[in-house]
Protein backbone atom coordinates (compact mmCIF):
# COMPACT_ATOMS: atom_id res chain seq x y z
CA MET A 1 20.15 75.31 96.93
CA ARG A 2 16.43 74.59 97.08
CA LYS A 3 16.03 76.04 93.57
CA MET A 4 18.89 73.88 92.29
CA ARG A 5 17.35 70.76 93.83
CA LEU A 6 14.01 71.58 92.22
CA LEU A 7 15.66 71.96 88.81
CA CYS A 8 17.39 68.59 89.20
CA ILE A 9 14.09 66.90 90.07
CA VAL A 10 12.41 68.47 87.03
CA ALA A 11 15.29 67.33 84.81
CA LEU A 12 15.15 63.78 86.14
CA LEU A 13 11.38 63.64 85.64
CA SER A 14 11.78 64.88 82.07
CA ILE A 15 14.34 62.19 81.31
CA ALA A 16 12.09 59.52 82.83
CA LEU A 17 9.07 60.68 80.86
CA CYS A 18 10.98 60.86 77.60
CA ALA A 19 12.87 57.56 78.05
CA PRO A 20 10.32 55.28 76.37
CA ALA A 21 10.54 57.27 73.13
CA PHE A 22 14.27 56.67 72.97
CA ALA A 23 14.38 53.14 74.39
CA ALA A 24 16.66 50.91 72.37
CA ARG A 25 15.36 47.62 70.98
CA PRO A 26 16.49 44.53 72.87
CA GLU A 27 19.91 43.34 71.74
CA VAL A 28 19.58 40.24 69.55
CA ARG A 29 22.02 37.47 70.44
CA ARG A 30 22.79 36.71 66.83
CA GLY A 31 25.13 33.82 67.53
CA GLU A 32 22.21 31.85 68.98
CA TYR A 33 20.39 31.76 65.63
CA PHE A 34 21.22 29.64 62.59
CA ILE A 35 19.88 31.16 59.36
CA THR A 36 19.76 28.79 56.39
CA VAL A 37 18.98 30.63 53.14
CA LEU A 38 17.18 28.44 50.59
CA THR A 39 18.24 29.62 47.12
CA GLY A 40 17.91 27.81 43.77
CA PRO A 41 19.95 25.93 41.16
CA THR A 42 23.63 26.91 40.96
CA SER A 43 23.06 27.94 37.33
CA GLY A 44 20.40 30.51 38.20
CA ILE A 45 20.14 33.93 39.79
CA TYR A 46 18.72 32.78 43.14
CA PHE A 47 21.97 31.07 44.08
CA PRO A 48 24.43 34.00 44.02
CA ILE A 49 21.98 36.47 45.54
CA GLY A 50 20.86 34.05 48.23
CA GLY A 51 24.50 33.32 48.92
CA ALA A 52 25.16 37.03 49.38
CA PHE A 53 22.38 37.24 51.98
CA SER A 54 23.92 34.31 53.84
CA THR A 55 27.45 35.71 53.71
CA PHE A 56 26.38 39.15 54.90
CA LEU A 57 24.27 37.83 57.79
CA GLY A 58 27.21 35.66 58.79
CA SER A 59 29.43 38.74 58.84
CA ILE A 60 27.24 40.40 61.48
CA GLY A 61 27.22 37.41 63.80
CA TYR A 62 24.50 35.00 62.71
CA ARG A 63 25.42 31.39 62.01
CA THR A 64 24.45 30.93 58.37
CA SER A 65 24.50 28.72 55.30
CA ALA A 66 23.13 28.93 51.77
CA THR A 67 21.55 25.83 50.24
CA ALA A 68 21.19 25.18 46.51
CA THR A 69 17.67 23.91 45.76
CA GLY A 70 15.21 23.39 42.93
CA ALA A 71 13.99 26.96 43.69
CA THR A 72 10.45 28.13 44.46
CA ALA A 73 8.35 24.98 44.98
CA GLU A 74 11.10 23.17 46.85
CA ASN A 75 11.81 26.27 48.94
CA ILE A 76 8.17 26.63 49.97
CA ASN A 77 8.00 23.00 51.07
CA ALA A 78 11.37 23.20 52.83
CA LEU A 79 10.37 26.29 54.78
CA LEU A 80 7.13 24.66 55.88
CA THR A 81 9.01 21.57 57.07
CA ASP A 82 11.65 23.40 59.13
CA GLN A 83 14.50 22.99 56.64
CA GLY A 84 15.37 26.68 56.42
CA GLU A 85 14.78 30.14 57.84
CA LEU A 86 14.85 32.30 54.71
CA ALA A 87 13.67 31.24 51.25
CA ILE A 88 13.56 32.96 47.88
CA ALA A 89 10.32 32.25 46.00
CA MET A 90 8.18 33.64 43.22
CA ALA A 91 5.15 35.50 44.55
CA ASP A 92 2.69 33.74 42.24
CA SER A 93 3.61 30.31 43.60
CA VAL A 94 3.48 31.58 47.19
CA ILE A 95 0.00 33.02 46.64
CA GLN A 96 -1.16 29.72 45.15
CA ALA A 97 0.25 27.84 48.15
CA VAL A 98 -1.36 30.21 50.67
CA ASP A 99 -4.76 30.12 48.95
CA ALA A 100 -4.56 26.47 47.76
CA PHE A 101 -5.34 26.98 44.08
CA GLY A 102 -3.57 26.33 40.79
CA ALA A 103 -0.69 23.92 41.37
CA TYR A 104 -1.69 23.71 45.05
CA ALA A 105 -5.38 22.99 44.45
CA GLY A 106 -6.68 20.34 46.83
CA LYS A 107 -3.82 20.83 49.26
CA THR A 108 -4.01 22.33 52.73
CA PRO A 109 -3.61 26.14 52.48
CA ALA A 110 -0.08 27.10 53.56
CA LYS A 111 -1.23 29.70 56.07
CA ASN A 112 2.09 29.61 57.97
CA LEU A 113 4.04 31.20 55.12
CA ARG A 114 5.32 34.69 55.95
CA ALA A 115 6.96 37.29 53.74
CA MET A 116 9.91 39.42 54.81
CA MET A 117 10.79 41.58 51.80
CA GLY A 118 10.38 42.03 48.07
CA LEU A 119 13.37 41.18 45.88
CA TRP A 120 13.30 41.51 42.08
CA PRO A 121 11.00 40.71 39.16
CA ASN A 122 11.39 37.40 37.38
CA PHE A 123 10.94 37.67 33.64
CA CYS A 124 9.21 34.85 31.79
CA GLN A 125 11.87 34.25 29.14
CA ILE A 126 10.91 31.67 26.51
CA VAL A 127 14.22 31.19 24.77
CA THR A 128 14.78 29.53 21.42
CA THR A 129 17.35 29.69 18.65
CA ALA A 130 17.02 32.06 15.72
CA ASP A 131 17.01 29.14 13.27
CA SER A 132 14.25 27.16 15.06
CA GLY A 133 11.43 28.75 13.06
CA ILE A 134 9.64 29.66 16.29
CA LYS A 135 8.43 33.25 16.12
CA THR A 136 5.18 33.18 18.11
CA PHE A 137 3.76 31.16 20.99
CA ALA A 138 1.58 29.25 18.53
CA ASP A 139 4.76 28.11 16.77
CA LEU A 140 5.58 25.98 19.83
CA LYS A 141 3.01 23.45 18.65
CA GLY A 142 4.66 20.13 17.85
CA LYS A 143 8.03 21.30 19.17
CA ARG A 144 10.20 19.87 21.97
CA ILE A 145 9.81 22.25 24.88
CA GLY A 146 11.52 22.34 28.29
CA VAL A 147 8.88 23.62 30.70
CA GLY A 148 10.77 23.34 34.00
CA ALA A 149 10.90 20.69 36.72
CA PRO A 150 7.42 19.40 37.71
CA ASN A 151 5.54 21.95 39.86
CA SER A 152 8.55 24.28 39.98
CA GLY A 153 7.95 28.01 39.73
CA VAL A 154 9.07 27.90 36.11
CA GLU A 155 6.69 25.07 35.29
CA LEU A 156 3.77 26.83 37.00
CA ASN A 157 4.44 29.88 34.82
CA ALA A 158 4.65 27.71 31.69
CA ARG A 159 1.29 26.13 32.50
CA MET A 160 -0.37 29.55 32.84
CA MET A 161 1.23 30.79 29.61
CA PHE A 162 -0.19 27.83 27.70
CA GLU A 163 -3.60 28.45 29.24
CA ALA A 164 -3.54 32.15 28.28
CA HIS A 165 -2.80 31.19 24.68
CA GLY A 166 -5.61 28.62 24.53
CA MET A 167 -3.09 25.78 24.35
CA SER A 168 -2.02 22.89 26.56
CA TYR A 169 1.02 20.68 26.99
CA SER A 170 -0.62 18.14 24.68
CA ASP A 171 0.08 20.54 21.81
CA CYS A 172 3.84 20.05 22.23
CA ARG A 173 6.43 17.44 23.12
CA VAL A 174 7.02 18.56 26.69
CA ASP A 175 10.07 17.70 28.78
CA TYR A 176 9.99 18.44 32.52
CA LEU A 177 13.56 19.70 32.63
CA ASN A 178 14.89 22.56 34.73
CA TYR A 179 16.04 25.37 32.49
CA GLY A 180 19.74 24.52 32.84
CA GLU A 181 19.07 21.01 31.56
CA ALA A 182 16.73 22.24 28.82
CA ILE A 183 19.31 24.71 27.53
CA ASP A 184 21.96 21.99 27.51
CA GLN A 185 19.58 19.97 25.34
CA MET A 186 19.13 22.97 23.05
CA LYS A 187 22.89 23.11 22.54
CA ASN A 188 22.74 19.49 21.37
CA GLY A 189 19.73 20.01 19.12
CA LEU A 190 17.47 17.89 21.35
CA CYS A 191 15.18 20.72 22.52
CA ASP A 192 13.62 23.57 20.53
CA ALA A 193 12.72 26.05 23.27
CA ALA A 194 12.93 26.43 27.04
CA PHE A 195 10.94 28.32 29.64
CA VAL A 196 13.28 30.31 31.89
CA THR A 197 11.61 32.35 34.61
CA SER A 198 14.47 34.37 36.05
CA GLY A 199 15.96 37.78 36.47
CA LEU A 200 17.43 39.33 33.34
CA GLY A 201 20.99 38.35 32.53
CA ASN A 202 20.46 34.66 33.31
CA ALA A 203 23.81 32.87 33.09
CA THR A 204 22.52 29.82 31.20
CA ILE A 205 20.90 31.97 28.50
CA ARG A 206 24.07 34.05 28.23
CA GLU A 207 26.08 30.87 27.79
CA LEU A 208 23.73 29.63 25.05
CA SER A 209 24.08 32.98 23.26
CA THR A 210 27.85 32.44 22.98
CA THR A 211 27.36 29.35 20.79
CA LYS A 212 24.03 30.02 19.06
CA LYS A 213 22.06 33.04 17.88
CA ILE A 214 19.11 33.18 20.26
CA ALA A 215 15.62 34.63 20.11
CA PHE A 216 12.73 34.96 22.55
CA VAL A 217 9.10 33.98 22.08
CA PRO A 218 6.88 36.94 22.99
CA VAL A 219 3.93 36.84 25.36
CA GLU A 220 1.83 39.76 24.18
CA GLY A 221 -1.49 41.10 22.97
CA GLU A 222 -4.74 39.45 24.01
CA ALA A 223 -2.93 36.45 25.54
CA LEU A 224 -0.97 38.73 27.86
CA ASP A 225 -4.14 40.63 28.74
CA ARG A 226 -5.90 37.36 29.61
CA LEU A 227 -2.95 36.24 31.70
CA ILE A 228 -2.83 39.46 33.75
CA SER A 229 -6.63 39.58 34.09
CA LYS A 230 -6.83 36.08 35.56
CA TYR A 231 -3.54 36.19 37.47
CA PRO A 232 -2.96 39.82 38.56
CA PHE A 233 0.42 39.04 40.12
CA TYR A 234 1.81 39.23 36.57
CA ILE A 235 2.90 42.50 35.02
CA LYS A 236 3.77 43.44 31.46
CA ALA A 237 7.54 43.57 30.94
CA THR A 238 10.18 43.84 28.24
CA ILE A 239 13.34 41.82 27.65
CA PRO A 240 15.71 44.42 26.13
CA ALA A 241 17.59 43.14 23.09
CA ALA A 242 20.90 44.34 24.52
CA VAL A 243 20.76 42.04 27.56
CA TYR A 244 21.54 38.91 25.53
CA GLY A 245 22.40 40.32 22.12
CA ALA A 246 19.02 39.37 20.60
CA ALA A 247 17.78 41.05 17.43
CA THR A 248 14.82 42.88 19.02
CA ASP A 249 13.20 43.72 22.35
CA THR A 250 10.63 41.13 23.43
CA THR A 251 7.35 41.74 25.27
CA THR A 252 6.63 39.22 28.01
CA ALA A 253 5.24 38.87 31.54
CA ALA A 254 7.09 39.17 34.84
CA VAL A 255 6.34 38.23 38.44
CA MET A 256 8.04 39.37 41.65
CA ASN A 257 10.37 37.27 43.75
CA ILE A 258 10.00 37.68 47.49
CA MET A 259 11.97 36.56 50.53
CA LEU A 260 9.99 34.25 52.78
CA VAL A 261 10.91 33.88 56.44
CA ASP A 262 10.25 31.19 59.03
CA ILE A 263 7.14 32.14 61.04
CA LYS A 264 8.86 30.78 64.17
CA LEU A 265 11.73 33.28 64.10
CA PRO A 266 11.23 35.84 66.90
CA ASP A 267 9.97 39.27 65.89
CA ASP A 268 13.11 41.02 67.13
CA VAL A 269 15.30 38.72 65.02
CA VAL A 270 13.33 39.44 61.83
CA TYR A 271 13.44 43.16 62.66
CA ASP A 272 17.20 42.90 63.14
CA LEU A 273 17.63 41.04 59.85
CA LEU A 274 15.80 43.76 57.93
CA ASP A 275 17.49 46.59 59.81
CA ASN A 276 20.89 45.25 58.77
CA ILE A 277 19.98 44.12 55.26
CA TYR A 278 18.74 47.63 54.46
CA SER A 279 21.73 49.32 56.05
CA PRO A 280 24.33 50.82 53.66
CA LYS A 281 26.71 47.96 54.49
CA GLY A 282 24.06 45.32 53.91
CA LEU A 283 22.85 46.76 50.63
CA GLU A 284 26.40 47.09 49.35
CA ALA A 285 27.14 43.44 50.11
CA ILE A 286 23.94 42.06 48.59
CA GLN A 287 23.81 44.33 45.55
CA ALA A 288 27.36 43.32 44.65
CA ALA A 289 26.20 39.74 44.05
CA HIS A 290 24.39 40.44 40.78
CA ALA A 291 23.34 43.35 38.57
CA THR A 292 19.69 42.43 39.16
CA ALA A 293 20.16 42.82 42.92
CA LYS A 294 21.83 46.20 42.42
CA VAL A 295 18.88 47.52 40.42
CA ASN A 296 16.04 46.06 42.46
CA ILE A 297 16.94 45.36 46.10
CA LYS A 298 16.50 48.65 47.91
CA PRO A 299 14.24 50.07 50.64
CA GLU A 300 11.75 51.66 48.26
CA THR A 301 10.93 48.28 46.67
CA ALA A 302 10.81 46.34 49.95
CA LEU A 303 7.05 45.70 49.84
CA ARG A 304 6.70 45.21 46.08
CA GLY A 305 4.97 41.93 45.30
CA ILE A 306 3.69 41.58 48.89
CA THR A 307 1.26 44.36 49.80
CA GLY A 308 -2.21 43.78 48.41
CA THR A 309 -1.71 40.01 48.19
CA SER A 310 -2.86 37.22 50.49
CA VAL A 311 0.69 36.59 51.68
CA PRO A 312 1.08 38.05 55.19
CA LEU A 313 4.19 39.78 56.44
CA HIS A 314 6.00 38.36 59.46
CA ASP A 315 5.08 40.37 62.58
CA GLY A 316 8.71 41.45 62.97
CA ALA A 317 8.66 42.77 59.40
CA VAL A 318 5.40 44.62 60.06
CA LYS A 319 7.00 46.40 63.02
CA TYR A 320 10.12 47.26 60.99
CA TYR A 321 8.19 48.74 58.05
CA LYS A 322 5.90 50.68 60.38
CA ASP A 323 8.90 52.12 62.20
CA LYS A 324 10.38 53.17 58.85
CA GLY A 325 7.11 54.76 57.73
CA GLN A 326 6.53 52.26 54.93
CA LEU A 327 3.40 50.79 56.51
CA LYS A 328 0.61 52.55 58.36
């Protein structure tokens, strides 16, 4: 009997000592949190993928909505002014906002921005028609060009592309149109080329390709080298001809999209969001929204476009990635 009692005491002590290693995380009361996902224009890739995030998080108990926006610049401002909890944005614009340079020069550094996860690369797609006579970036001189809405992510990219080629907006007839509007103008012969910074398979470019033979203006050679040297968040990329039925592959630059998260969301909520997004059920739901999501949104690319930059991770995301062995 005494031996049995001693064994029970030892067993109980072992359980007590081991308990912290197996302690479950606090249960998140998901219904208490409203998660608004800031996406982009309905014609672009942000909207369906952002909508998939919202729908999935709603399915696991969060109160959610997805909001169509003007994309990156608007999303950054909206997140900083408490108009959303998650926001899709291009990493280059976020870095400029955090460090107050480029389009955000002279503004207060946006030190409250926090990243949650990497998403997919946005390709700088300068689309024109095959009969426009535009073959190189220099051929844009004197042409009517849609460069994106003022200070949008697309327009910031356009500005850097011009700089890398030793050109400026004064070399062209520039219209500050979002790419959906610019492509509509191309259909009517009122615009010669449009900057579209987006995932591959952009719906508006696909639609244009059904009525006109399209081509892409390359960003390559020394201009691309200068761009990457000055702005290392760019990478060299290729637009495969088969994506839109173009005549040839096109060399260009790409920049990562990331998911920003409200700094005020509790750490355990952000951890819970990531834990469910990267679950088999979560990945299936989000990847089904678009081919780009299927290729790029996965655990092994979660920190792409974030680590090594000045954009900090949310503390809840730091804990999640450390627990998964993705951060030291």
